[in-house]
Protein backbone atom coordinates (compact mmCIF):
# COMPACT_ATOMS: atom_id res chain seq x y z
CA UNK A 1 -3.16 26.01 -39.36
CA UNK A 2 -3.43 25.70 -35.73
CA UNK A 3 -1.32 22.93 -33.65
CA UNK A 4 -3.35 21.18 -31.27
CA UNK A 5 -0.65 20.42 -28.89
CA UNK A 6 -0.02 23.96 -28.33
CA UNK A 7 -0.39 25.72 -24.81
CA UNK A 8 -0.94 29.16 -24.37
CA UNK A 9 2.06 30.76 -22.60
CA UNK A 10 1.29 34.49 -22.82
CA UNK A 11 -1.79 36.73 -22.71
CA UNK A 12 -1.90 40.10 -23.45
CA UNK A 13 -4.90 40.32 -20.58
CA UNK A 14 -3.00 38.45 -17.74
CA UNK A 15 0.78 38.39 -19.06
CA UNK A 16 2.77 35.49 -18.40
CA UNK A 17 0.78 32.22 -17.40
CA UNK A 18 2.84 29.75 -15.49
CA UNK A 19 1.63 26.42 -14.88
CA UNK A 20 1.26 25.14 -11.28
CA UNK A 21 4.24 22.76 -10.22
CA UNK A 22 2.60 19.87 -8.44
CA UNK A 23 4.93 18.58 -5.33
CA UNK A 24 6.03 14.94 -5.79
CA UNK A 25 3.59 12.50 -4.02
CA UNK A 26 5.67 10.24 -1.90
CA UNK A 27 4.12 6.47 -1.46
CA UNK A 28 3.27 5.88 2.70
CA UNK A 29 5.33 3.20 4.10
CA UNK A 30 4.32 0.44 6.52
CA UNK A 31 5.60 2.14 9.62
CA UNK A 32 9.01 0.19 9.65
CA UNK A 33 12.04 2.41 8.98
CA UNK A 34 14.67 0.26 7.07
CA UNK A 35 18.58 1.26 7.26
CA UNK A 36 20.14 -0.44 4.39
CA UNK A 37 24.25 -0.04 3.28
CA UNK A 38 24.96 0.16 -0.31
CA UNK A 39 28.10 1.00 -2.66
CA UNK A 40 26.63 0.89 -6.19
CA UNK A 41 27.54 4.01 -8.24
CA UNK A 42 29.55 5.68 -5.56
CA UNK A 43 33.24 4.48 -6.78
CA UNK A 44 33.03 1.97 -3.66
CA UNK A 45 32.10 4.37 -0.97
CA UNK A 46 29.69 3.06 1.27
CA UNK A 47 26.51 5.29 2.39
CA UNK A 48 23.71 3.90 4.64
CA UNK A 49 20.04 4.91 3.73
CA UNK A 50 17.27 5.69 5.51
CA UNK A 51 13.71 4.99 4.15
CA UNK A 52 10.45 4.76 5.54
CA UNK A 53 9.95 7.59 7.45
CA UNK A 54 6.39 9.33 6.97
CA UNK A 55 7.37 12.66 7.51
CA UNK A 56 7.39 16.16 6.12
CA UNK A 57 10.21 17.28 3.82
CA UNK A 58 11.01 19.97 6.38
CA UNK A 59 10.84 17.27 9.43
CA UNK A 60 13.07 14.94 7.00
CA UNK A 61 15.91 17.91 6.60
CA UNK A 62 15.84 18.32 10.31
CA UNK A 63 16.11 14.42 11.13
CA UNK A 64 18.87 14.48 8.44
CA UNK A 65 20.63 17.06 10.04
CA UNK A 66 20.41 15.34 13.47
CA UNK A 67 21.71 12.08 12.30
CA UNK A 68 24.66 13.72 10.71
CA UNK A 69 25.60 15.13 13.93
CA UNK A 70 25.02 12.15 15.85
CA UNK A 71 27.24 9.94 13.11
CA UNK A 72 29.95 12.95 13.31
CA UNK A 73 29.71 12.60 9.15
CA UNK A 74 28.32 14.09 5.75
CA UNK A 75 24.88 13.15 4.38
CA UNK A 76 22.26 14.39 2.34
CA UNK A 77 18.13 13.97 1.47
CA UNK A 78 17.34 12.96 -1.65
CA UNK A 79 13.95 12.22 -2.87
CA UNK A 80 12.75 11.44 0.75
CA UNK A 81 15.59 9.18 1.20
CA UNK A 82 18.42 9.84 3.76
CA UNK A 83 22.02 9.11 2.94
CA UNK A 84 24.39 9.17 5.50
CA UNK A 85 28.40 9.05 5.07
CA UNK A 86 29.97 5.34 5.89
CA UNK A 87 28.71 2.40 7.41
CA UNK A 88 26.98 3.81 10.80
CA UNK A 89 23.96 1.44 10.97
CA UNK A 90 24.02 0.70 14.38
CA UNK A 91 24.32 4.28 15.31
CA UNK A 92 21.23 5.08 13.04
CA UNK A 93 19.46 2.36 14.86
CA UNK A 94 19.69 3.18 18.13
CA UNK A 95 19.06 6.95 17.59
CA UNK A 96 15.97 5.87 15.62
CA UNK A 97 14.66 3.49 18.09
CA UNK A 98 15.32 6.09 21.08
CA UNK A 99 13.09 8.70 18.84
CA UNK A 100 9.97 5.84 18.79
CA UNK A 101 10.49 4.50 15.43
CA UNK A 102 10.44 0.74 14.50
CA UNK A 103 14.13 0.19 12.76
CA UNK A 104 14.94 -2.59 11.03
CA UNK A 105 18.48 -3.43 9.35
CA UNK A 106 17.85 -4.42 5.52
CA UNK A 107 20.26 -5.75 3.23
CA UNK A 108 23.74 -7.64 3.88
C-alpha cells in the first residue's frame, strides 16, 4: 500500500535529498520607524522594541549593534524587531533621526 503523503528522502542515484529552505519574508513598512516600550512576558523588565526598519538581516544586525553601543546596554534582534534593554526610547529616537529615519514613539 503506497502512502500519498510520503516524501522521498534518499535516492540511490543522488543520495540524500534536502528541501531548500525559504527565507521568511517580512512585510514592508510604511517608512516610519516605531519605538515602543514593552514589559509583557519579561517579568517586569522593560525593553524598547524598534520596528519598521526596511533593511536586510545583516544591516539590521549592524544597526542593532550600533544602538546597543549608543545606549550602553544589551539587546537582540528577533524576527526583524530590534529589542534594546531598558527605557532608552529618547536615545534611540535621536540616533535614528540622525541617520535620516522618520521616527515615532508608539504606545504609552
